[in-house]
Amino acid sequence: MANFVLNAAAREEAVQGKGSSRRLRLQSKVPAIIYGSGEPVAVTLELRELVKALENNAFFEEVVEIKVGDKTESVKIKALQRHPAKNTPMHADFVRA
């Protein structure tokens, strides 16, 4: 069993939306959201870290830890949007486990 830990940065509401997400992607970052029990949290993941984790099929089945600041969330991936031509991740949805 693989243990996946991703580092993330929280995004405030001013840095959400289509334009902000495009600017994040140009900086090799992936916008994501963590939802489930409690308040939803918008986060930003490093593209390189996410692509490395996606190479392993167990990432889609196991509980993943996402470190947001000093808080750690245990989540499972719910949805992943990829670029139609490049196949790079564009957005990820995680649900709390």
PDB file of N, CA and C in Angstrom:
ATOM      1  N   MET A   1       0.837  -1.189   0.000  1.00  0.00           N
ATOM      2  CA  MET A   1       0.000   0.000   0.000  1.00  0.00           C
ATOM      3  C   MET A   1       0.882   1.253   0.000  1.00  0.00           C
ATOM      4  N   ALA A   2       0.536   2.163  -0.848  1.00  0.00           N
ATOM      5  CA  ALA A   2       1.285   3.414  -0.929  1.00  0.00           C
ATOM      6  C   ALA A   2       0.637   4.455  -0.031  1.00  0.00           C
ATOM      7  N   ASN A   3       1.443   5.318   0.514  1.00  0.00           N
ATOM      8  CA  ASN A   3       0.942   6.396   1.351  1.00  0.00           C
ATOM      9  C   ASN A   3       1.200   7.700   0.601  1.00  0.00           C
ATOM     10  N   PHE A   4       0.139   8.434   0.289  1.00  0.00           N
ATOM     11  CA  PHE A   4       0.248   9.657  -0.497  1.00  0.00           C
ATOM     12  C   PHE A   4       0.046  10.873   0.392  1.00  0.00           C
ATOM     13  N   VAL A   5       0.981  11.809   0.329  1.00  0.00           N
ATOM     14  CA  VAL A   5       0.887  13.067   1.057  1.00  0.00           C
ATOM     15  C   VAL A   5       1.151  14.187   0.063  1.00  0.00           C
ATOM     16  N   LEU A   6       0.191  15.102  -0.063  1.00  0.00           N
ATOM     17  CA  LEU A   6       0.329  16.251  -0.958  1.00  0.00           C
ATOM     18  C   LEU A   6       0.361  17.524  -0.126  1.00  0.00           C
ATOM     19  N   ASN A   7       1.198  18.466  -0.513  1.00  0.00           N
ATOM     20  CA  ASN A   7       1.243  19.769   0.131  1.00  0.00           C
ATOM     21  C   ASN A   7       0.371  20.728  -0.655  1.00  0.00           C
ATOM     22  N   ALA A   8      -0.406  21.521   0.059  1.00  0.00           N
ATOM     23  CA  ALA A   8      -1.321  22.447  -0.603  1.00  0.00           C
ATOM     24  C   ALA A   8      -1.298  23.793   0.098  1.00  0.00           C
ATOM     25  N   ALA A   9      -1.751  24.802  -0.613  1.00  0.00           N
ATOM     26  CA  ALA A   9      -1.917  26.144  -0.053  1.00  0.00           C
ATOM     27  C   ALA A   9      -3.386  26.507  -0.193  1.00  0.00           C
ATOM     28  N   ALA A  10      -3.950  27.075   0.864  1.00  0.00           N
ATOM     29  CA  ALA A  10      -5.357  27.490   0.833  1.00  0.00           C
ATOM     30  C   ALA A  10      -5.497  28.719  -0.067  1.00  0.00           C
ATOM     31  N   ARG A  11      -6.645  28.806  -0.752  1.00  0.00           N
ATOM     32  CA  ARG A  11      -6.946  29.962  -1.597  1.00  0.00           C
ATOM     33  C   ARG A  11      -8.114  30.720  -0.990  1.00  0.00           C
ATOM     34  N   GLU A  12      -7.990  32.036  -0.898  1.00  0.00           N
ATOM     35  CA  GLU A  12      -9.111  32.839  -0.426  1.00  0.00           C
ATOM     36  C   GLU A  12     -10.059  33.107  -1.595  1.00  0.00           C
ATOM     37  N   GLU A  13     -11.228  33.625  -1.296  1.00  0.00           N
ATOM     38  CA  GLU A  13     -12.264  33.810  -2.320  1.00  0.00           C
ATOM     39  C   GLU A  13     -11.850  34.760  -3.420  1.00  0.00           C
ATOM     40  N   ALA A  14     -10.950  35.697  -3.140  1.00  0.00           N
ATOM     41  CA  ALA A  14     -10.513  36.652  -4.161  1.00  0.00           C
ATOM     42  C   ALA A  14      -9.669  35.975  -5.234  1.00  0.00           C
ATOM     43  N   VAL A  15      -9.131  34.793  -4.946  1.00  0.00           N
ATOM     44  CA  VAL A  15      -8.262  34.088  -5.890  1.00  0.00           C
ATOM     45  C   VAL A  15      -8.969  32.842  -6.413  1.00  0.00           C
ATOM     46  N   GLN A  16     -10.262  32.943  -6.642  1.00  0.00           N
ATOM     47  CA  GLN A  16     -11.036  31.844  -7.198  1.00  0.00           C
ATOM     48  C   GLN A  16     -11.742  32.325  -8.449  1.00  0.00           C
ATOM     49  N   GLY A  17     -12.078  31.405  -9.310  1.00  0.00           N
ATOM     50  CA  GLY A  17     -12.753  31.760 -10.548  1.00  0.00           C
ATOM     51  C   GLY A  17     -11.926  31.377 -11.751  1.00  0.00           C
ATOM     52  N   LYS A  18     -12.488  31.611 -12.929  1.00  0.00           N
ATOM     53  CA  LYS A  18     -11.854  31.165 -14.164  1.00  0.00           C
ATOM     54  C   LYS A  18     -10.512  31.857 -14.419  1.00  0.00           C
ATOM     55  N   GLY A  19     -10.483  33.165 -14.295  1.00  0.00           N
ATOM     56  CA  GLY A  19      -9.243  33.905 -14.565  1.00  0.00           C
ATOM     57  C   GLY A  19      -8.137  33.557 -13.586  1.00  0.00           C
ATOM     58  N   SER A  20      -8.483  33.465 -12.324  1.00  0.00           N
ATOM     59  CA  SER A  20      -7.491  33.123 -11.304  1.00  0.00           C
ATOM     60  C   SER A  20      -6.972  31.707 -11.486  1.00  0.00           C
ATOM     61  N   SER A  21      -7.863  30.795 -11.865  1.00  0.00           N
ATOM     62  CA  SER A  21      -7.446  29.413 -12.102  1.00  0.00           C
ATOM     63  C   SER A  21      -6.498  29.330 -13.292  1.00  0.00           C
ATOM     64  N   ARG A  22      -6.753  30.107 -14.314  1.00  0.00           N
ATOM     65  CA  ARG A  22      -5.852  30.126 -15.478  1.00  0.00           C
ATOM     66  C   ARG A  22      -4.475  30.656 -15.085  1.00  0.00           C
ATOM     67  N   ARG A  23      -4.438  31.700 -14.262  1.00  0.00           N
ATOM     68  CA  ARG A  23      -3.159  32.235 -13.810  1.00  0.00           C
ATOM     69  C   ARG A  23      -2.403  31.210 -12.965  1.00  0.00           C
ATOM     70  N   LEU A  24      -3.118  30.455 -12.144  1.00  0.00           N
ATOM     71  CA  LEU A  24      -2.479  29.410 -11.341  1.00  0.00           C
ATOM     72  C   LEU A  24      -1.871  28.339 -12.238  1.00  0.00           C
ATOM     73  N   ARG A  25      -2.606  27.926 -13.267  1.00  0.00           N
ATOM     74  CA  ARG A  25      -2.108  26.876 -14.161  1.00  0.00           C
ATOM     75  C   ARG A  25      -0.854  27.329 -14.909  1.00  0.00           C
ATOM     76  N   LEU A  26      -0.760  28.621 -15.230  1.00  0.00           N
ATOM     77  CA  LEU A  26       0.441  29.141 -15.884  1.00  0.00           C
ATOM     78  C   LEU A  26       1.650  29.081 -14.955  1.00  0.00           C
ATOM     79  N   GLN A  27       1.414  29.043 -13.645  1.00  0.00           N
ATOM     80  CA  GLN A  27       2.481  28.940 -12.646  1.00  0.00           C
ATOM     81  C   GLN A  27       2.732  27.489 -12.244  1.00  0.00           C
ATOM     82  N   SER A  28       2.224  26.530 -13.019  1.00  0.00           N
ATOM     83  CA  SER A  28       2.360  25.084 -12.752  1.00  0.00           C
ATOM     84  C   SER A  28       1.716  24.692 -11.438  1.00  0.00           C
ATOM     85  N   LYS A  29       0.538  25.232 -11.195  1.00  0.00           N
ATOM     86  CA  LYS A  29      -0.253  24.878 -10.021  1.00  0.00           C
ATOM     87  C   LYS A  29      -1.618  24.385 -10.483  1.00  0.00           C
ATOM     88  N   VAL A  30      -2.269  23.579  -9.643  1.00  0.00           N
ATOM     89  CA  VAL A  30      -3.568  23.008  -9.989  1.00  0.00           C
ATOM     90  C   VAL A  30      -4.581  23.442  -8.931  1.00  0.00           C
ATOM     91  N   PRO A  31      -5.659  24.124  -9.318  1.00  0.00           N
ATOM     92  CA  PRO A  31      -6.697  24.448  -8.351  1.00  0.00           C
ATOM     93  C   PRO A  31      -7.458  23.188  -7.966  1.00  0.00           C
ATOM     94  N   ALA A  32      -7.848  23.102  -6.702  1.00  0.00           N
ATOM     95  CA  ALA A  32      -8.579  21.929  -6.215  1.00  0.00           C
ATOM     96  C   ALA A  32      -9.522  22.375  -5.107  1.00  0.00           C
ATOM     97  N   ILE A  33     -10.441  21.488  -4.750  1.00  0.00           N
ATOM     98  CA  ILE A  33     -11.368  21.761  -3.660  1.00  0.00           C
ATOM     99  C   ILE A  33     -11.492  20.524  -2.791  1.00  0.00           C
ATOM    100  N   ILE A  34     -11.610  20.757  -1.494  1.00  0.00           N
ATOM    101  CA  ILE A  34     -11.845  19.682  -0.527  1.00  0.00           C
ATOM    102  C   ILE A  34     -13.213  19.947   0.076  1.00  0.00           C
ATOM    103  N   TYR A  35     -14.115  18.977  -0.049  1.00  0.00           N
ATOM    104  CA  TYR A  35     -15.448  19.150   0.509  1.00  0.00           C
ATOM    105  C   TYR A  35     -15.861  17.892   1.245  1.00  0.00           C
ATOM    106  N   GLY A  36     -17.025  17.918   1.811  1.00  0.00           N
ATOM    107  CA  GLY A  36     -17.531  16.803   2.612  1.00  0.00           C
ATOM    108  C   GLY A  36     -18.076  17.357   3.906  1.00  0.00           C
ATOM    109  N   SER A  37     -17.853  16.661   5.001  1.00  0.00           N
ATOM    110  CA  SER A  37     -18.329  17.159   6.291  1.00  0.00           C
ATOM    111  C   SER A  37     -17.552  18.423   6.646  1.00  0.00           C
ATOM    112  N   GLY A  38     -18.262  19.472   6.979  1.00  0.00           N
ATOM    113  CA  GLY A  38     -17.619  20.745   7.291  1.00  0.00           C
ATOM    114  C   GLY A  38     -17.626  21.676   6.095  1.00  0.00           C
ATOM    115  N   GLU A  39     -16.875  22.751   6.228  1.00  0.00           N
ATOM    116  CA  GLU A  39     -16.819  23.770   5.183  1.00  0.00           C
ATOM    117  C   GLU A  39     -15.921  23.320   4.028  1.00  0.00           C
ATOM    118  N   PRO A  40     -16.308  23.629   2.788  1.00  0.00           N
ATOM    119  CA  PRO A  40     -15.416  23.348   1.671  1.00  0.00           C
ATOM    120  C   PRO A  40     -14.184  24.260   1.728  1.00  0.00           C
ATOM    121  N   VAL A  41     -13.046  23.735   1.311  1.00  0.00           N
ATOM    122  CA  VAL A  41     -11.794  24.484   1.331  1.00  0.00           C
ATOM    123  C   VAL A  41     -11.208  24.467  -0.072  1.00  0.00           C
ATOM    124  N   ALA A  42     -10.973  25.650  -0.639  1.00  0.00           N
ATOM    125  CA  ALA A  42     -10.322  25.754  -1.951  1.00  0.00           C
ATOM    126  C   ALA A  42      -8.817  25.774  -1.722  1.00  0.00           C
ATOM    127  N   VAL A  43      -8.099  24.902  -2.434  1.00  0.00           N
ATOM    128  CA  VAL A  43      -6.655  24.790  -2.262  1.00  0.00           C
ATOM    129  C   VAL A  43      -5.956  24.825  -3.618  1.00  0.00           C
ATOM    130  N   THR A  44      -4.649  24.974  -3.563  1.00  0.00           N
ATOM    131  CA  THR A  44      -3.804  24.942  -4.748  1.00  0.00           C
ATOM    132  C   THR A  44      -2.742  23.879  -4.536  1.00  0.00           C
ATOM    133  N   LEU A  45      -2.606  22.982  -5.502  1.00  0.00           N
ATOM    134  CA  LEU A  45      -1.614  21.911  -5.451  1.00  0.00           C
ATOM    135  C   LEU A  45      -0.516  22.177  -6.466  1.00  0.00           C
ATOM    136  N   GLU A  46       0.669  21.656  -6.202  1.00  0.00           N
ATOM    137  CA  GLU A  46       1.762  21.732  -7.173  1.00  0.00           C
ATOM    138  C   GLU A  46       1.506  20.702  -8.270  1.00  0.00           C
ATOM    139  N   LEU A  47       1.593  21.113  -9.516  1.00  0.00           N
ATOM    140  CA  LEU A  47       1.345  20.227 -10.650  1.00  0.00           C
ATOM    141  C   LEU A  47       2.286  19.029 -10.628  1.00  0.00           C
ATOM    142  N   ARG A  48       3.554  19.276 -10.342  1.00  0.00           N
ATOM    143  CA  ARG A  48       4.560  18.220 -10.342  1.00  0.00           C
ATOM    144  C   ARG A  48       4.231  17.126  -9.325  1.00  0.00           C
ATOM    145  N   GLU A  49       3.818  17.531  -8.113  1.00  0.00           N
ATOM    146  CA  GLU A  49       3.461  16.569  -7.058  1.00  0.00           C
ATOM    147  C   GLU A  49       2.242  15.746  -7.455  1.00  0.00           C
ATOM    148  N   LEU A  50       1.234  16.413  -8.009  1.00  0.00           N
ATOM    149  CA  LEU A  50       0.001  15.726  -8.376  1.00  0.00           C
ATOM    150  C   LEU A  50       0.237  14.738  -9.514  1.00  0.00           C
ATOM    151  N   VAL A  51       1.008  15.127 -10.519  1.00  0.00           N
ATOM    152  CA  VAL A  51       1.292  14.231 -11.635  1.00  0.00           C
ATOM    153  C   VAL A  51       2.048  13.003 -11.147  1.00  0.00           C
ATOM    154  N   LYS A  52       2.992  13.196 -10.244  1.00  0.00           N
ATOM    155  CA  LYS A  52       3.757  12.069  -9.691  1.00  0.00           C
ATOM    156  C   LYS A  52       2.827  11.103  -8.951  1.00  0.00           C
ATOM    157  N   ALA A  53       1.884  11.627  -8.179  1.00  0.00           N
ATOM    158  CA  ALA A  53       0.945  10.775  -7.445  1.00  0.00           C
ATOM    159  C   ALA A  53      -0.011  10.063  -8.401  1.00  0.00           C
ATOM    160  N   LEU A  54      -0.413  10.720  -9.471  1.00  0.00           N
ATOM    161  CA  LEU A  54      -1.358  10.138 -10.422  1.00  0.00           C
ATOM    162  C   LEU A  54      -0.761   8.979 -11.218  1.00  0.00           C
ATOM    163  N   GLU A  55       0.558   8.863 -11.229  1.00  0.00           N
ATOM    164  CA  GLU A  55       1.199   7.756 -11.935  1.00  0.00           C
ATOM    165  C   GLU A  55       0.887   6.412 -11.293  1.00  0.00           C
ATOM    166  N   ASN A  56       0.549   6.432 -10.011  1.00  0.00           N
ATOM    167  CA  ASN A  56       0.249   5.211  -9.271  1.00  0.00           C
ATOM    168  C   ASN A  56      -1.268   5.020  -9.227  1.00  0.00           C
ATOM    169  N   ASN A  57      -1.764   3.873  -9.677  1.00  0.00           N
ATOM    170  CA  ASN A  57      -3.207   3.614  -9.693  1.00  0.00           C
ATOM    171  C   ASN A  57      -3.809   3.569  -8.300  1.00  0.00           C
ATOM    172  N   ALA A  58      -3.011   3.275  -7.285  1.00  0.00           N
ATOM    173  CA  ALA A  58      -3.515   3.212  -5.915  1.00  0.00           C
ATOM    174  C   ALA A  58      -3.974   4.583  -5.419  1.00  0.00           C
ATOM    175  N   PHE A  59      -3.513   5.666  -6.056  1.00  0.00           N
ATOM    176  CA  PHE A  59      -3.911   7.014  -5.662  1.00  0.00           C
ATOM    177  C   PHE A  59      -5.426   7.191  -5.742  1.00  0.00           C
ATOM    178  N   PHE A  60      -6.067   6.513  -6.694  1.00  0.00           N
ATOM    179  CA  PHE A  60      -7.506   6.656  -6.895  1.00  0.00           C
ATOM    180  C   PHE A  60      -8.316   5.822  -5.913  1.00  0.00           C
ATOM    181  N   GLU A  61      -7.681   4.905  -5.190  1.00  0.00           N
ATOM    182  CA  GLU A  61      -8.392   4.000  -4.298  1.00  0.00           C
ATOM    183  C   GLU A  61      -8.138   4.286  -2.820  1.00  0.00           C
ATOM    184  N   GLU A  62      -6.980   4.831  -2.492  1.00  0.00           N
ATOM    185  CA  GLU A  62      -6.587   4.991  -1.096  1.00  0.00           C
ATOM    186  C   GLU A  62      -6.916   6.381  -0.570  1.00  0.00           C
ATOM    187  N   VAL A  63      -6.842   6.482   0.755  1.00  0.00           N
ATOM    188  CA  VAL A  63      -7.009   7.769   1.415  1.00  0.00           C
ATOM    189  C   VAL A  63      -5.710   8.550   1.257  1.00  0.00           C
ATOM    190  N   VAL A  64      -5.838   9.804   0.862  1.00  0.00           N
ATOM    191  CA  VAL A  64      -4.697  10.684   0.620  1.00  0.00           C
ATOM    192  C   VAL A  64      -4.683  11.744   1.707  1.00  0.00           C
ATOM    193  N   GLU A  65      -3.495  12.111   2.160  1.00  0.00           N
ATOM    194  CA  GLU A  65      -3.371  13.207   3.123  1.00  0.00           C
ATOM    195  C   GLU A  65      -2.954  14.462   2.389  1.00  0.00           C
ATOM    196  N   ILE A  66      -3.699  15.545   2.624  1.00  0.00           N
ATOM    197  CA  ILE A  66      -3.354  16.840   2.050  1.00  0.00           C
ATOM    198  C   ILE A  66      -3.035  17.777   3.203  1.00  0.00           C
ATOM    199  N   LYS A  67      -1.815  18.316   3.199  1.00  0.00           N
ATOM    200  CA  LYS A  67      -1.395  19.250   4.239  1.00  0.00           C
ATOM    201  C   LYS A  67      -1.695  20.666   3.774  1.00  0.00           C
ATOM    202  N   VAL A  68      -2.599  21.323   4.490  1.00  0.00           N
ATOM    203  CA  VAL A  68      -2.960  22.709   4.192  1.00  0.00           C
ATOM    204  C   VAL A  68      -2.490  23.539   5.377  1.00  0.00           C
ATOM    205  N   GLY A  69      -1.351  24.188   5.218  1.00  0.00           N
ATOM    206  CA  GLY A  69      -0.769  24.925   6.331  1.00  0.00           C
ATOM    207  C   GLY A  69      -0.331  23.953   7.412  1.00  0.00           C
ATOM    208  N   ASP A  70      -0.844  24.140   8.628  1.00  0.00           N
ATOM    209  CA  ASP A  70      -0.510  23.236   9.729  1.00  0.00           C
ATOM    210  C   ASP A  70      -1.581  22.174   9.952  1.00  0.00           C
ATOM    211  N   LYS A  71      -2.605  22.158   9.102  1.00  0.00           N
ATOM    212  CA  LYS A  71      -3.712  21.210   9.222  1.00  0.00           C
ATOM    213  C   LYS A  71      -3.579  20.118   8.163  1.00  0.00           C
ATOM    214  N   THR A  72      -3.911  18.886   8.533  1.00  0.00           N
ATOM    215  CA  THR A  72      -3.860  17.765   7.592  1.00  0.00           C
ATOM    216  C   THR A  72      -5.261  17.218   7.385  1.00  0.00           C
ATOM    217  N   GLU A  73      -5.655  17.098   6.119  1.00  0.00           N
ATOM    218  CA  GLU A  73      -6.973  16.570   5.756  1.00  0.00           C
ATOM    219  C   GLU A  73      -6.799  15.171   5.163  1.00  0.00           C
ATOM    220  N   SER A  74      -7.605  14.217   5.609  1.00  0.00           N
ATOM    221  CA  SER A  74      -7.633  12.882   5.016  1.00  0.00           C
ATOM    222  C   SER A  74      -8.761  12.857   3.993  1.00  0.00           C
ATOM    223  N   VAL A  75      -8.422  12.643   2.741  1.00  0.00           N
ATOM    224  CA  VAL A  75      -9.393  12.753   1.649  1.00  0.00           C
ATOM    225  C   VAL A  75      -9.234  11.606   0.665  1.00  0.00           C
ATOM    226  N   LYS A  76     -10.241  11.456  -0.196  1.00  0.00           N
ATOM    227  CA  LYS A  76     -10.174  10.564  -1.351  1.00  0.00           C
ATOM    228  C   LYS A  76     -10.489  11.411  -2.578  1.00  0.00           C
ATOM    229  N   ILE A  77      -9.863  11.091  -3.691  1.00  0.00           N
ATOM    230  CA  ILE A  77     -10.120  11.855  -4.902  1.00  0.00           C
ATOM    231  C   ILE A  77     -11.495  11.475  -5.449  1.00  0.00           C
ATOM    232  N   LYS A  78     -12.284  12.475  -5.787  1.00  0.00           N
ATOM    233  CA  LYS A  78     -13.637  12.257  -6.292  1.00  0.00           C
ATOM    234  C   LYS A  78     -13.708  12.493  -7.799  1.00  0.00           C
ATOM    235  N   ALA A  79     -13.059  13.561  -8.267  1.00  0.00           N
ATOM    236  CA  ALA A  79     -13.087  13.879  -9.699  1.00  0.00           C
ATOM    237  C   ALA A  79     -11.782  14.559 -10.082  1.00  0.00           C
ATOM    238  N   LEU A  80     -11.398  14.352 -11.327  1.00  0.00           N
ATOM    239  CA  LEU A  80     -10.180  14.955 -11.851  1.00  0.00           C
ATOM    240  C   LEU A  80     -10.452  15.406 -13.281  1.00  0.00           C
ATOM    241  N   GLN A  81     -10.285  16.696 -13.540  1.00  0.00           N
ATOM    242  CA  GLN A  81     -10.454  17.209 -14.890  1.00  0.00           C
ATOM    243  C   GLN A  81      -9.066  17.354 -15.510  1.00  0.00           C
ATOM    244  N   ARG A  82      -8.938  16.879 -16.747  1.00  0.00           N
ATOM    245  CA  ARG A  82      -7.664  16.948 -17.454  1.00  0.00           C
ATOM    246  C   ARG A  82      -7.814  17.802 -18.710  1.00  0.00           C
ATOM    247  N   HIS A  83      -6.700  18.362 -19.166  1.00  0.00           N
ATOM    248  CA  HIS A  83      -6.681  19.123 -20.410  1.00  0.00           C
ATOM    249  C   HIS A  83      -6.955  18.149 -21.561  1.00  0.00           C
ATOM    250  N   PRO A  84      -7.829  18.512 -22.502  1.00  0.00           N
ATOM    251  CA  PRO A  84      -8.204  17.567 -23.554  1.00  0.00           C
ATOM    252  C   PRO A  84      -7.055  17.147 -24.471  1.00  0.00           C
ATOM    253  N   ALA A  85      -6.102  18.009 -24.733  1.00  0.00           N
ATOM    254  CA  ALA A  85      -5.012  17.661 -25.642  1.00  0.00           C
ATOM    255  C   ALA A  85      -3.744  17.243 -24.897  1.00  0.00           C
ATOM    256  N   LYS A  86      -3.400  17.962 -23.826  1.00  0.00           N
ATOM    257  CA  LYS A  86      -2.152  17.701 -23.106  1.00  0.00           C
ATOM    258  C   LYS A  86      -2.280  16.598 -22.064  1.00  0.00           C
ATOM    259  N   ASN A  87      -3.491  16.305 -21.617  1.00  0.00           N
ATOM    260  CA  ASN A  87      -3.770  15.298 -20.596  1.00  0.00           C
ATOM    261  C   ASN A  87      -3.196  15.661 -19.225  1.00  0.00           C
ATOM    262  N   THR A  88      -2.876  16.933 -19.006  1.00  0.00           N
ATOM    263  CA  THR A  88      -2.399  17.367 -17.692  1.00  0.00           C
ATOM    264  C   THR A  88      -3.592  17.696 -16.811  1.00  0.00           C
ATOM    265  N   PRO A  89      -3.492  17.505 -15.493  1.00  0.00           N
ATOM    266  CA  PRO A  89      -4.599  17.837 -14.604  1.00  0.00           C
ATOM    267  C   PRO A  89      -4.899  19.336 -14.606  1.00  0.00           C
ATOM    268  N   MET A  90      -6.188  19.668 -14.656  1.00  0.00           N
ATOM    269  CA  MET A  90      -6.611  21.065 -14.627  1.00  0.00           C
ATOM    270  C   MET A  90      -7.321  21.426 -13.339  1.00  0.00           C
ATOM    271  N   HIS A  91      -7.998  20.459 -12.721  1.00  0.00           N
ATOM    272  CA  HIS A  91      -8.738  20.694 -11.481  1.00  0.00           C
ATOM    273  C   HIS A  91      -8.988  19.351 -10.809  1.00  0.00           C
ATOM    274  N   ALA A  92      -8.968  19.356  -9.483  1.00  0.00           N
ATOM    275  CA  ALA A  92      -9.212  18.115  -8.738  1.00  0.00           C
ATOM    276  C   ALA A  92     -10.236  18.373  -7.648  1.00  0.00           C
ATOM    277  N   ASP A  93     -11.106  17.409  -7.434  1.00  0.00           N
ATOM    278  CA  ASP A  93     -12.099  17.442  -6.354  1.00  0.00           C
ATOM    279  C   ASP A  93     -11.760  16.313  -5.378  1.00  0.00           C
ATOM    280  N   PHE A  94     -11.674  16.664  -4.099  1.00  0.00           N
ATOM    281  CA  PHE A  94     -11.416  15.686  -3.060  1.00  0.00           C
ATOM    282  C   PHE A  94     -12.560  15.705  -2.057  1.00  0.00           C
ATOM    283  N   VAL A  95     -12.934  14.546  -1.541  1.00  0.00           N
ATOM    284  CA  VAL A  95     -13.980  14.447  -0.524  1.00  0.00           C
ATOM    285  C   VAL A  95     -13.323  13.913   0.748  1.00  0.00           C
ATOM    286  N   ARG A  96     -13.706  14.505   1.882  1.00  0.00           N
ATOM    287  CA  ARG A  96     -13.120  14.072   3.152  1.00  0.00           C
ATOM    288  C   ARG A  96     -13.509  12.624   3.456  1.00  0.00           C
ATOM    289  N   ALA A  97     -12.543  11.886   3.925  1.00  0.00           N
ATOM    290  CA  ALA A  97     -12.762  10.473   4.235  1.00  0.00           C
ATOM    291  C   ALA A  97     -13.183  10.300   5.693  1.00  0.00           C
TER     292      ALA A  97
END
